[in-house]
Amino acid sequence: MKLLIENMTCGGCARGVTATIQDIDPNAKVDIDLATKLVSVETTESLDKITVALAEDGFPAQVQ
């Protein structure tokens, strides 16, 4: 899945996004392009579960 997270502005944000996703699925592969604010995620968890968790942690995501 590819997500756009507009308010991800720094390395700390990127680490927070990664931690949120890996809290749900420790085996998830997360690739972040901070310049474009795009996050690519390989996970067995549902898109809904990932986006809800990100929103709860202050990183609302739009599906790309």
Protein backbone atom coordinates (compact mmCIF):
# COMPACT_ATOMS: atom_id res chain seq x y z
CA MET A 1 0.00 0.00 0.00
CA LYS A 2 1.09 3.57 -0.66
CA LEU A 3 0.11 6.38 1.68
CA LEU A 4 0.53 10.14 1.56
CA ILE A 5 1.11 11.72 4.96
CA GLU A 6 1.07 15.50 4.50
CA ASN A 7 2.18 16.42 8.03
CA MET A 8 5.27 14.16 8.01
CA THR A 9 7.98 16.82 7.90
CA CYS A 10 11.12 15.41 9.51
CA GLY A 11 13.09 12.31 10.39
CA GLY A 12 11.37 12.16 13.77
CA CYS A 13 7.99 12.04 12.05
CA ALA A 14 9.23 9.29 9.74
CA ARG A 15 10.44 7.26 12.73
CA GLY A 16 7.06 7.77 14.42
CA VAL A 17 5.18 6.59 11.33
CA THR A 18 7.42 3.52 11.07
CA ALA A 19 6.97 2.74 14.77
CA THR A 20 3.18 3.04 14.54
CA ILE A 21 3.02 0.65 11.60
CA GLN A 22 5.45 -1.82 13.15
CA ASP A 23 3.52 -1.78 16.44
CA ILE A 24 0.64 -3.30 14.47
CA ASP A 25 2.79 -5.59 12.31
CA PRO A 26 6.38 -6.07 13.53
CA ASN A 27 7.24 -7.71 10.20
CA ALA A 28 5.95 -4.82 8.07
CA LYS A 29 8.37 -3.34 5.56
CA VAL A 30 8.14 0.46 5.61
CA ASP A 31 9.83 2.67 3.03
CA ILE A 32 9.50 6.42 3.48
CA ASP A 33 10.30 9.18 1.00
CA LEU A 34 10.27 12.26 3.20
CA ALA A 35 10.64 14.67 0.25
CA THR A 36 7.36 13.50 -1.32
CA LYS A 37 5.74 12.49 2.01
CA LEU A 38 4.99 9.05 0.56
CA VAL A 39 5.07 5.87 2.60
CA SER A 40 5.17 2.42 1.00
CA VAL A 41 4.09 -0.39 3.32
CA GLU A 42 4.24 -4.15 2.83
CA THR A 43 2.09 -5.73 5.51
CA THR A 44 -0.45 -8.47 6.10
CA GLU A 45 -2.61 -6.06 8.12
CA SER A 46 -5.59 -4.25 6.61
CA LEU A 47 -5.33 -0.79 5.13
CA ASP A 48 -8.04 0.38 7.52
CA LYS A 49 -6.16 -0.83 10.60
CA ILE A 50 -2.97 0.93 9.47
CA THR A 51 -4.66 4.23 8.58
CA VAL A 52 -6.68 4.33 11.81
CA ALA A 53 -3.56 3.75 13.91
CA LEU A 54 -1.64 6.43 12.01
CA ALA A 55 -4.49 8.93 12.46
CA GLU A 56 -4.67 8.16 16.19
CA ASP A 57 -0.93 8.89 16.44
CA GLY A 58 -1.30 12.23 14.63
CA PHE A 59 -0.39 11.14 11.11
CA PRO A 60 -3.57 11.08 9.02
CA ALA A 61 -2.85 9.28 5.76
CA GLN A 62 -4.39 9.41 2.30
CA VAL A 63 -4.28 6.31 0.14
CA GLN A 64 -2.34 6.83 -3.09
